[in-house]
Amino acid sequence: MPSIDFIKKEFGKEQDMVNHPPHYNKHGIECIQAIRAALTDKEFRGYIKGNVLKYTWRENYKNKNQDLQKAKWYLDKLLQEVASNNES
């Protein structure tokens, strides 16, 4: 993974590595959008839950606060999915 200094130099500003990491966006399509389109509602919710678990599990060993922010991002995404499907 490129360093923050490399990304700043290459793109002229600091990238948002939690909400919109540049390595997950090609040709205007974010990876999460492609994954959502390929999965059923139930499968996508499982994918999201797996990512919440992954980022909370590894936070103490890898990226600390950034991993917790990513876990929160996925949890917020799960809440959006539940709300959009009119579930409570």
Protein backbone atom coordinates (compact mmCIF):
# COMPACT_ATOMS: atom_id res chain seq x y z
CA MET A 1 0.00 0.00 0.00
CA PRO A 2 1.38 3.42 -0.89
CA SER A 3 2.36 5.73 1.94
CA ILE A 4 0.33 8.83 2.80
CA ASP A 5 3.26 11.02 1.67
CA PHE A 6 3.30 9.27 -1.72
CA ILE A 7 -0.46 9.75 -2.13
CA LYS A 8 -0.23 13.43 -1.17
CA LYS A 9 2.54 13.93 -3.69
CA GLU A 10 0.77 12.00 -6.45
CA PHE A 11 -2.68 13.48 -5.99
CA GLY A 12 -1.85 16.88 -4.49
CA LYS A 13 -3.92 16.35 -1.35
CA GLU A 14 -4.44 13.84 1.39
CA GLN A 15 -6.82 11.08 0.38
CA ASP A 16 -9.70 9.86 2.54
CA MET A 17 -8.49 6.34 3.28
CA VAL A 18 -11.67 5.44 5.21
CA ASN A 19 -14.57 6.72 3.12
CA HIS A 20 -13.07 6.85 -0.38
CA PRO A 21 -9.66 5.17 -0.65
CA PRO A 22 -8.28 5.80 -4.15
CA HIS A 23 -7.30 2.16 -4.66
CA TYR A 24 -11.01 1.17 -4.48
CA ASN A 25 -12.18 3.58 -7.17
CA LYS A 26 -11.50 2.97 -10.84
CA HIS A 27 -13.17 4.74 -13.75
CA GLY A 28 -15.66 6.47 -11.44
CA ILE A 29 -17.00 3.26 -9.91
CA GLU A 30 -16.25 2.45 -6.29
CA CYS A 31 -15.60 -1.18 -5.46
CA ILE A 32 -18.41 -1.21 -2.87
CA GLN A 33 -20.89 -0.24 -5.61
CA ALA A 34 -19.79 -3.12 -7.84
CA ILE A 35 -20.00 -5.56 -4.93
CA ARG A 36 -23.49 -4.28 -4.05
CA ALA A 37 -24.66 -4.76 -7.63
CA ALA A 38 -23.32 -8.33 -7.74
CA LEU A 39 -24.91 -9.58 -4.51
CA THR A 40 -28.41 -10.15 -3.20
CA ASP A 41 -29.59 -8.01 -0.27
CA LYS A 42 -28.88 -10.85 2.16
CA GLU A 43 -25.43 -11.56 0.71
CA PHE A 44 -24.48 -7.89 0.80
CA ARG A 45 -25.52 -7.57 4.43
CA GLY A 46 -23.35 -10.60 5.23
CA TYR A 47 -20.44 -9.00 3.38
CA ILE A 48 -20.87 -5.81 5.39
CA LYS A 49 -21.08 -7.69 8.71
CA GLY A 50 -17.90 -9.57 7.81
CA ASN A 51 -16.06 -6.31 7.24
CA VAL A 52 -17.26 -4.88 10.57
CA LEU A 53 -15.84 -7.99 12.25
CA LYS A 54 -12.59 -7.87 10.23
CA TYR A 55 -11.79 -4.26 11.07
CA THR A 56 -12.66 -4.53 14.78
CA TRP A 57 -10.69 -7.78 15.02
CA ARG A 58 -7.47 -6.40 13.56
CA GLU A 59 -7.49 -2.83 14.95
CA ASN A 60 -5.09 -3.66 17.74
CA TYR A 61 -2.60 -5.22 15.32
CA LYS A 62 -2.66 -3.05 12.22
CA ASN A 63 -4.11 0.42 11.70
CA LYS A 64 -5.63 1.17 15.11
CA ASN A 65 -7.98 4.16 14.82
CA GLN A 66 -8.27 3.91 11.02
CA ASP A 67 -9.52 0.32 11.31
CA LEU A 68 -12.12 1.37 13.88
CA GLN A 69 -13.23 4.16 11.54
CA LYS A 70 -13.56 1.60 8.75
CA ALA A 71 -15.59 -0.69 11.02
CA LYS A 72 -17.87 2.26 11.79
CA TRP A 73 -18.18 3.04 8.08
CA TYR A 74 -19.36 -0.52 7.41
CA LEU A 75 -21.71 -0.47 10.41
CA ASP A 76 -23.21 2.79 9.13
CA LYS A 77 -23.56 1.15 5.70
CA LEU A 78 -25.41 -1.77 7.32
CA LEU A 79 -27.77 0.64 9.05
CA GLN A 80 -28.44 2.33 5.70
CA GLU A 81 -29.18 -1.04 4.08
CA VAL A 82 -31.59 -1.98 6.85
CA ALA A 83 -33.35 1.39 6.63
CA SER A 84 -33.59 1.23 2.83
CA ASN A 85 -35.24 -2.18 3.07
CA ASN A 86 -37.78 -0.77 5.55
CA GLU A 87 -36.59 -3.05 8.32
CA SER A 88 -36.18 -2.14 11.95
